[in-house]
């Protein structure tokens, strides 16, 4: 019986708190708008970060290719002497 009253009191407390914490539709729309804005900013930062990695990889590949071309040209020059 004591346990039943405890559970009942906890249920009333939780229900009462959930009714007090409800927001109106206007506040929910405002929150949704700020959530979309935050998500958009995060997506932009992620795209910028990914772009920087692509630039770094491309630059590295171009330099490796240029070095290999120079090495090949030097070997060819040595062979034709």
PDB file of N, CA and C in Angstrom:
ATOM      1  N   UNK A   1       0.818  -1.180   0.000  1.00  0.00           N
ATOM      2  CA  UNK A   1       0.000   0.000   0.000  1.00  0.00           C
ATOM      3  C   UNK A   1       0.868   1.252   0.000  1.00  0.00           C
ATOM      4  N   UNK A   2       1.948   1.214   0.782  1.00  0.00           N
ATOM      5  CA  UNK A   2       2.862   2.340   0.855  1.00  0.00           C
ATOM      6  C   UNK A   2       3.527   2.562  -0.504  1.00  0.00           C
ATOM      7  N   UNK A   3       3.864   1.464  -1.151  1.00  0.00           N
ATOM      8  CA  UNK A   3       4.499   1.524  -2.470  1.00  0.00           C
ATOM      9  C   UNK A   3       3.533   2.095  -3.513  1.00  0.00           C
ATOM     10  N   UNK A   4       2.264   1.740  -3.397  1.00  0.00           N
ATOM     11  CA  UNK A   4       1.253   2.232  -4.319  1.00  0.00           C
ATOM     12  C   UNK A   4       1.099   3.748  -4.205  1.00  0.00           C
ATOM     13  N   UNK A   5       1.067   4.264  -2.987  1.00  0.00           N
ATOM     14  CA  UNK A   5       0.951   5.706  -2.798  1.00  0.00           C
ATOM     15  C   UNK A   5       2.201   6.435  -3.312  1.00  0.00           C
ATOM     16  N   UNK A   6       3.335   5.826  -3.138  1.00  0.00           N
ATOM     17  CA  UNK A   6       4.578   6.415  -3.650  1.00  0.00           C
ATOM     18  C   UNK A   6       4.572   6.507  -5.168  1.00  0.00           C
ATOM     19  N   UNK A   7       4.122   5.436  -5.812  1.00  0.00           N
ATOM     20  CA  UNK A   7       4.047   5.427  -7.279  1.00  0.00           C
ATOM     21  C   UNK A   7       3.011   6.432  -7.769  1.00  0.00           C
ATOM     22  N   UNK A   8       1.888   6.516  -7.072  1.00  0.00           N
ATOM     23  CA  UNK A   8       0.835   7.448  -7.436  1.00  0.00           C
ATOM     24  C   UNK A   8       1.314   8.895  -7.279  1.00  0.00           C
ATOM     25  N   UNK A   9       2.024   9.179  -6.223  1.00  0.00           N
ATOM     26  CA  UNK A   9       2.543  10.530  -5.990  1.00  0.00           C
ATOM     27  C   UNK A   9       3.574  10.891  -7.059  1.00  0.00           C
ATOM     28  N   UNK A  10       4.422   9.954  -7.413  1.00  0.00           N
ATOM     29  CA  UNK A  10       5.418  10.205  -8.459  1.00  0.00           C
ATOM     30  C   UNK A  10       4.736  10.445  -9.799  1.00  0.00           C
ATOM     31  N   UNK A  11       3.704   9.713 -10.098  1.00  0.00           N
ATOM     32  CA  UNK A  11       2.960   9.889 -11.349  1.00  0.00           C
ATOM     33  C   UNK A  11       2.299  11.254 -11.424  1.00  0.00           C
ATOM     34  N   UNK A  12       1.703  11.687 -10.316  1.00  0.00           N
ATOM     35  CA  UNK A  12       1.065  13.009 -10.276  1.00  0.00           C
ATOM     36  C   UNK A  12       2.119  14.095 -10.438  1.00  0.00           C
ATOM     37  N   UNK A  13       3.249  13.930  -9.815  1.00  0.00           N
ATOM     38  CA  UNK A  13       4.335  14.912  -9.902  1.00  0.00           C
ATOM     39  C   UNK A  13       4.858  15.020 -11.335  1.00  0.00           C
ATOM     40  N   UNK A  14       5.101  13.901 -11.979  1.00  0.00           N
ATOM     41  CA  UNK A  14       5.593  13.896 -13.358  1.00  0.00           C
ATOM     42  C   UNK A  14       4.562  14.506 -14.302  1.00  0.00           C
ATOM     43  N   UNK A  15       3.317  14.156 -14.132  1.00  0.00           N
ATOM     44  CA  UNK A  15       2.253  14.691 -14.980  1.00  0.00           C
ATOM     45  C   UNK A  15       2.127  16.198 -14.784  1.00  0.00           C
ATOM     46  N   UNK A  16       2.183  16.645 -13.552  1.00  0.00           N
ATOM     47  CA  UNK A  16       2.095  18.073 -13.264  1.00  0.00           C
ATOM     48  C   UNK A  16       3.252  18.840 -13.866  1.00  0.00           C
ATOM     49  N   UNK A  17       4.453  18.305 -13.786  1.00  0.00           N
ATOM     50  CA  UNK A  17       5.619  18.978 -14.365  1.00  0.00           C
ATOM     51  C   UNK A  17       5.553  19.019 -15.884  1.00  0.00           C
ATOM     52  N   UNK A  18       5.034  17.981 -16.496  1.00  0.00           N
ATOM     53  CA  UNK A  18       4.951  17.967 -17.948  1.00  0.00           C
ATOM     54  C   UNK A  18       3.900  18.951 -18.448  1.00  0.00           C
ATOM     55  N   UNK A  19       2.843  19.160 -17.673  1.00  0.00           N
ATOM     56  CA  UNK A  19       1.823  20.131 -18.072  1.00  0.00           C
ATOM     57  C   UNK A  19       2.339  21.557 -17.926  1.00  0.00           C
ATOM     58  N   UNK A  20       3.149  21.814 -16.939  1.00  0.00           N
ATOM     59  CA  UNK A  20       3.698  23.148 -16.729  1.00  0.00           C
ATOM     60  C   UNK A  20       4.755  23.462 -17.788  1.00  0.00           C
ATOM     61  N   UNK A  21       5.500  22.464 -18.237  1.00  0.00           N
ATOM     62  CA  UNK A  21       6.612  22.676 -19.142  1.00  0.00           C
ATOM     63  C   UNK A  21       6.193  22.808 -20.604  1.00  0.00           C
ATOM     64  N   UNK A  22       4.913  22.683 -20.915  1.00  0.00           N
ATOM     65  CA  UNK A  22       4.485  22.764 -22.310  1.00  0.00           C
ATOM     66  C   UNK A  22       4.625  24.186 -22.833  1.00  0.00           C
ATOM     67  N   UNK A  23       5.046  24.278 -24.078  1.00  0.00           N
ATOM     68  CA  UNK A  23       5.196  25.565 -24.719  1.00  0.00           C
ATOM     69  C   UNK A  23       4.082  25.756 -25.731  1.00  0.00           C
ATOM     70  N   UNK A  24       3.871  26.985 -26.092  1.00  0.00           N
ATOM     71  CA  UNK A  24       2.878  27.267 -27.106  1.00  0.00           C
ATOM     72  C   UNK A  24       3.439  27.049 -28.489  1.00  0.00           C
ATOM     73  N   UNK A  25       2.581  27.068 -29.502  1.00  0.00           N
ATOM     74  CA  UNK A  25       3.046  26.831 -30.866  1.00  0.00           C
ATOM     75  C   UNK A  25       4.027  27.894 -31.354  1.00  0.00           C
ATOM     76  N   UNK A  26       3.870  29.105 -30.886  1.00  0.00           N
ATOM     77  CA  UNK A  26       4.764  30.189 -31.306  1.00  0.00           C
ATOM     78  C   UNK A  26       6.197  29.927 -30.819  1.00  0.00           C
ATOM     79  N   UNK A  27       6.323  29.503 -29.571  1.00  0.00           N
ATOM     80  CA  UNK A  27       7.645  29.203 -29.020  1.00  0.00           C
ATOM     81  C   UNK A  27       8.263  27.993 -29.709  1.00  0.00           C
ATOM     82  N   UNK A  28       7.447  27.010 -30.039  1.00  0.00           N
ATOM     83  CA  UNK A  28       7.956  25.828 -30.736  1.00  0.00           C
ATOM     84  C   UNK A  28       8.466  26.187 -32.127  1.00  0.00           C
ATOM     85  N   UNK A  29       7.770  27.069 -32.817  1.00  0.00           N
ATOM     86  CA  UNK A  29       8.215  27.500 -34.150  1.00  0.00           C
ATOM     87  C   UNK A  29       9.540  28.258 -34.053  1.00  0.00           C
ATOM     88  N   UNK A  30       9.663  29.082 -33.022  1.00  0.00           N
ATOM     89  CA  UNK A  30      10.897  29.844 -32.831  1.00  0.00           C
ATOM     90  C   UNK A  30      12.065  28.896 -32.561  1.00  0.00           C
ATOM     91  N   UNK A  31      11.826  27.903 -31.716  1.00  0.00           N
ATOM     92  CA  UNK A  31      12.861  26.912 -31.414  1.00  0.00           C
ATOM     93  C   UNK A  31      13.235  26.110 -32.659  1.00  0.00           C
ATOM     94  N   UNK A  32      12.235  25.755 -33.450  1.00  0.00           N
ATOM     95  CA  UNK A  32      12.499  24.991 -34.666  1.00  0.00           C
ATOM     96  C   UNK A  32      13.332  25.824 -35.638  1.00  0.00           C
ATOM     97  N   UNK A  33      13.044  27.098 -35.736  1.00  0.00           N
ATOM     98  CA  UNK A  33      13.804  27.976 -36.614  1.00  0.00           C
ATOM     99  C   UNK A  33      15.254  28.090 -36.184  1.00  0.00           C
ATOM    100  N   UNK A  34      15.474  28.209 -34.890  1.00  0.00           N
ATOM    101  CA  UNK A  34      16.855  28.304 -34.410  1.00  0.00           C
ATOM    102  C   UNK A  34      17.585  26.974 -34.582  1.00  0.00           C
ATOM    103  N   UNK A  35      16.864  25.864 -34.467  1.00  0.00           N
ATOM    104  CA  UNK A  35      17.482  24.553 -34.698  1.00  0.00           C
ATOM    105  C   UNK A  35      17.925  24.412 -36.155  1.00  0.00           C
ATOM    106  N   UNK A  36      17.089  24.879 -37.078  1.00  0.00           N
ATOM    107  CA  UNK A  36      17.427  24.810 -38.498  1.00  0.00           C
ATOM    108  C   UNK A  36      18.636  25.690 -38.782  1.00  0.00           C
ATOM    109  N   UNK A  37      18.674  26.847 -38.175  1.00  0.00           N
ATOM    110  CA  UNK A  37      19.800  27.767 -38.370  1.00  0.00           C
ATOM    111  C   UNK A  37      21.100  27.139 -37.852  1.00  0.00           C
ATOM    112  N   UNK A  38      21.033  26.537 -36.693  1.00  0.00           N
ATOM    113  CA  UNK A  38      22.207  25.877 -36.109  1.00  0.00           C
ATOM    114  C   UNK A  38      22.673  24.717 -36.993  1.00  0.00           C
ATOM    115  N   UNK A  39      21.730  23.944 -37.499  1.00  0.00           N
ATOM    116  CA  UNK A  39      22.085  22.817 -38.367  1.00  0.00           C
ATOM    117  C   UNK A  39      22.715  23.318 -39.663  1.00  0.00           C
ATOM    118  N   UNK A  40      22.200  24.411 -40.204  1.00  0.00           N
ATOM    119  CA  UNK A  40      22.769  24.976 -41.424  1.00  0.00           C
ATOM    120  C   UNK A  40      24.192  25.455 -41.219  1.00  0.00           C
ATOM    121  N   UNK A  41      24.439  26.085 -40.087  1.00  0.00           N
ATOM    122  CA  UNK A  41      25.797  26.552 -39.792  1.00  0.00           C
ATOM    123  C   UNK A  41      26.752  25.370 -39.633  1.00  0.00           C
ATOM    124  N   UNK A  42      26.293  24.322 -38.977  1.00  0.00           N
ATOM    125  CA  UNK A  42      27.137  23.139 -38.789  1.00  0.00           C
ATOM    126  C   UNK A  42      27.457  22.485 -40.130  1.00  0.00           C
ATOM    127  N   UNK A  43      26.473  22.445 -41.026  1.00  0.00           N
ATOM    128  CA  UNK A  43      26.696  21.871 -42.351  1.00  0.00           C
ATOM    129  C   UNK A  43      27.711  22.699 -43.123  1.00  0.00           C
ATOM    130  N   UNK A  44      27.602  24.017 -43.010  1.00  0.00           N
ATOM    131  CA  UNK A  44      28.555  24.900 -43.686  1.00  0.00           C
ATOM    132  C   UNK A  44      29.964  24.708 -43.179  1.00  0.00           C
ATOM    133  N   UNK A  45      30.099  24.585 -41.862  1.00  0.00           N
ATOM    134  CA  UNK A  45      31.441  24.369 -41.288  1.00  0.00           C
ATOM    135  C   UNK A  45      32.007  23.021 -41.744  1.00  0.00           C
ATOM    136  N   UNK A  46      31.161  22.009 -41.818  1.00  0.00           N
ATOM    137  CA  UNK A  46      31.623  20.685 -42.254  1.00  0.00           C
ATOM    138  C   UNK A  46      32.065  20.721 -43.713  1.00  0.00           C
ATOM    139  N   UNK A  47      31.321  21.438 -44.560  1.00  0.00           N
ATOM    140  CA  UNK A  47      31.699  21.526 -45.970  1.00  0.00           C
ATOM    141  C   UNK A  47      33.020  22.279 -46.131  1.00  0.00           C
ATOM    142  N   UNK A  48      33.196  23.323 -45.350  1.00  0.00           N
ATOM    143  CA  UNK A  48      34.444  24.088 -45.403  1.00  0.00           C
ATOM    144  C   UNK A  48      35.620  23.211 -44.971  1.00  0.00           C
ATOM    145  N   UNK A  49      35.416  22.447 -43.919  1.00  0.00           N
ATOM    146  CA  UNK A  49      36.467  21.559 -43.419  1.00  0.00           C
ATOM    147  C   UNK A  49      36.818  20.490 -44.463  1.00  0.00           C
ATOM    148  N   UNK A  50      35.807  19.931 -45.093  1.00  0.00           N
ATOM    149  CA  UNK A  50      36.042  18.906 -46.118  1.00  0.00           C
ATOM    150  C   UNK A  50      36.764  19.521 -47.317  1.00  0.00           C
ATOM    151  N   UNK A  51      36.387  20.721 -47.684  1.00  0.00           N
ATOM    152  CA  UNK A  51      37.039  21.401 -48.810  1.00  0.00           C
ATOM    153  C   UNK A  51      38.517  21.636 -48.557  1.00  0.00           C
ATOM    154  N   UNK A  52      38.853  21.989 -47.330  1.00  0.00           N
ATOM    155  CA  UNK A  52      40.264  22.204 -46.987  1.00  0.00           C
ATOM    156  C   UNK A  52      41.054  20.907 -47.136  1.00  0.00           C
ATOM    157  N   UNK A  53      40.459  19.792 -46.751  1.00  0.00           N
ATOM    158  CA  UNK A  53      41.140  18.498 -46.899  1.00  0.00           C
ATOM    159  C   UNK A  53      41.346  18.138 -48.353  1.00  0.00           C
ATOM    160  N   UNK A  54      40.366  18.448 -49.196  1.00  0.00           N
ATOM    161  CA  UNK A  54      40.486  18.161 -50.630  1.00  0.00           C
ATOM    162  C   UNK A  54      41.602  18.999 -51.244  1.00  0.00           C
ATOM    163  N   UNK A  55      41.661  20.273 -50.869  1.00  0.00           N
ATOM    164  CA  UNK A  55      42.708  21.154 -51.385  1.00  0.00           C
ATOM    165  C   UNK A  55      44.087  20.622 -50.996  1.00  0.00           C
ATOM    166  N   UNK A  56      44.215  20.204 -49.756  1.00  0.00           N
ATOM    167  CA  UNK A  56      45.502  19.687 -49.278  1.00  0.00           C
ATOM    168  C   UNK A  56      45.904  18.428 -50.058  1.00  0.00           C
ATOM    169  N   UNK A  57      44.963  17.523 -50.249  1.00  0.00           N
ATOM    170  CA  UNK A  57      45.251  16.286 -50.980  1.00  0.00           C
ATOM    171  C   UNK A  57      45.594  16.548 -52.439  1.00  0.00           C
ATOM    172  N   UNK A  58      44.874  17.479 -53.065  1.00  0.00           N
ATOM    173  CA  UNK A  58      45.144  17.802 -54.465  1.00  0.00           C
ATOM    174  C   UNK A  58      46.522  18.416 -54.613  1.00  0.00           C
ATOM    175  N   UNK A  59      46.843  19.329 -53.719  1.00  0.00           N
ATOM    176  CA  UNK A  59      48.153  19.998 -53.760  1.00  0.00           C
ATOM    177  C   UNK A  59      49.277  18.966 -53.592  1.00  0.00           C
ATOM    178  N   UNK A  60      49.084  18.049 -52.668  1.00  0.00           N
ATOM    179  CA  UNK A  60      50.088  17.013 -52.425  1.00  0.00           C
ATOM    180  C   UNK A  60      50.270  16.133 -53.671  1.00  0.00           C
ATOM    181  N   UNK A  61      49.157  15.778 -54.304  1.00  0.00           N
ATOM    182  CA  UNK A  61      49.230  14.946 -55.510  1.00  0.00           C
ATOM    183  C   UNK A  61      49.917  15.660 -56.660  1.00  0.00           C
ATOM    184  N   UNK A  62      49.638  16.932 -56.827  1.00  0.00           N
ATOM    185  CA  UNK A  62      50.275  17.705 -57.903  1.00  0.00           C
ATOM    186  C   UNK A  62      51.774  17.793 -57.682  1.00  0.00           C
ATOM    187  N   UNK A  63      52.174  18.039 -56.453  1.00  0.00           N
ATOM    188  CA  UNK A  63      53.609  18.133 -56.159  1.00  0.00           C
ATOM    189  C   UNK A  63      54.314  16.788 -56.352  1.00  0.00           C
ATOM    190  N   UNK A  64      53.669  15.694 -55.964  1.00  0.00           N
ATOM    191  CA  UNK A  64      54.272  14.368 -56.166  1.00  0.00           C
ATOM    192  C   UNK A  64      54.446  14.082 -57.656  1.00  0.00           C
ATOM    193  N   UNK A  65      53.439  14.440 -58.428  1.00  0.00           N
ATOM    194  CA  UNK A  65      53.510  14.213 -59.872  1.00  0.00           C
ATOM    195  C   UNK A  65      54.619  15.048 -60.493  1.00  0.00           C
ATOM    196  N   UNK A  66      54.742  16.288 -60.071  1.00  0.00           N
ATOM    197  CA  UNK A  66      55.790  17.166 -60.601  1.00  0.00           C
ATOM    198  C   UNK A  66      57.170  16.621 -60.256  1.00  0.00           C
ATOM    199  N   UNK A  67      57.335  16.146 -59.032  1.00  0.00           N
ATOM    200  CA  UNK A  67      58.628  15.570 -58.629  1.00  0.00           C
ATOM    201  C   UNK A  67      58.949  14.326 -59.453  1.00  0.00           C
ATOM    202  N   UNK A  68      57.953  13.482 -59.677  1.00  0.00           N
ATOM    203  CA  UNK A  68      58.174  12.259 -60.460  1.00  0.00           C
ATOM    204  C   UNK A  68      58.513  12.619 -61.904  1.00  0.00           C
ATOM    205  N   UNK A  69      57.889  13.640 -62.449  1.00  0.00           N
ATOM    206  CA  UNK A  69      58.190  14.066 -63.814  1.00  0.00           C
ATOM    207  C   UNK A  69      59.623  14.574 -63.907  1.00  0.00           C
ATOM    208  N   UNK A  70      60.053  15.345 -62.933  1.00  0.00           N
ATOM    209  CA  UNK A  70      61.435  15.838 -62.914  1.00  0.00           C
ATOM    210  C   UNK A  70      62.423  14.678 -62.825  1.00  0.00           C
ATOM    211  N   UNK A  71      62.132  13.707 -61.990  1.00  0.00           N
ATOM    212  CA  UNK A  71      63.011  12.546 -61.856  1.00  0.00           C
ATOM    213  C   UNK A  71      63.086  11.780 -63.177  1.00  0.00           C
ATOM    214  N   UNK A  72      61.945  11.592 -63.811  1.00  0.00           N
ATOM    215  CA  UNK A  72      61.913  10.877 -65.087  1.00  0.00           C
ATOM    216  C   UNK A  72      62.679  11.636 -66.165  1.00  0.00           C
ATOM    217  N   UNK A  73      62.545  12.945 -66.184  1.00  0.00           N
ATOM    218  CA  UNK A  73      63.263  13.752 -67.172  1.00  0.00           C
ATOM    219  C   UNK A  73      64.768  13.677 -66.936  1.00  0.00           C
ATOM    220  N   UNK A  74      65.167  13.673 -65.680  1.00  0.00           N
ATOM    221  CA  UNK A  74      66.602  13.580 -65.361  1.00  0.00           C
ATOM    222  C   UNK A  74      67.145  12.218 -65.779  1.00  0.00           C
ATOM    223  N   UNK A  75      66.396  11.145 -65.563  1.00  0.00           N
ATOM    224  CA  UNK A  75      66.837   9.805 -65.966  1.00  0.00           C
ATOM    225  C   UNK A  75      66.953   9.712 -67.483  1.00  0.00           C
ATOM    226  N   UNK A  76      66.006  10.285 -68.177  1.00  0.00           N
ATOM    227  CA  UNK A  76      66.027  10.266 -69.635  1.00  0.00           C
ATOM    228  C   UNK A  76      67.217  11.044 -70.166  1.00  0.00           C
ATOM    229  N   UNK A  77      67.497  12.159 -69.535  1.00  0.00           N
ATOM    230  CA  UNK A  77      68.629  12.978 -69.955  1.00  0.00           C
ATOM    231  C   UNK A  77      69.950  12.232 -69.760  1.00  0.00           C
ATOM    232  N   UNK A  78      70.067  11.496 -68.640  1.00  0.00           N
ATOM    233  CA  UNK A  78      71.272  10.710 -68.367  1.00  0.00           C
ATOM    234  C   UNK A  78      71.428   9.579 -69.397  1.00  0.00           C
ATOM    235  N   UNK A  79      70.323   9.001 -69.825  1.00  0.00           N
ATOM    236  CA  UNK A  79      70.377   7.890 -70.792  1.00  0.00           C
ATOM    237  C   UNK A  79      70.766   8.381 -72.170  1.00  0.00           C
ATOM    238  N   UNK A  80      70.422   9.580 -72.517  1.00  0.00           N
ATOM    239  CA  UNK A  80      70.697  10.072 -73.875  1.00  0.00           C
ATOM    240  C   UNK A  80      72.070  10.694 -74.007  1.00  0.00           C
ATOM    241  N   UNK A  81      72.832  10.807 -72.963  1.00  0.00           N
ATOM    242  CA  UNK A  81      74.182  11.371 -73.040  1.00  0.00           C
ATOM    243  C   UNK A  81      75.154  10.411 -73.664  1.00  0.00           C
TER     244      UNK A  81
END
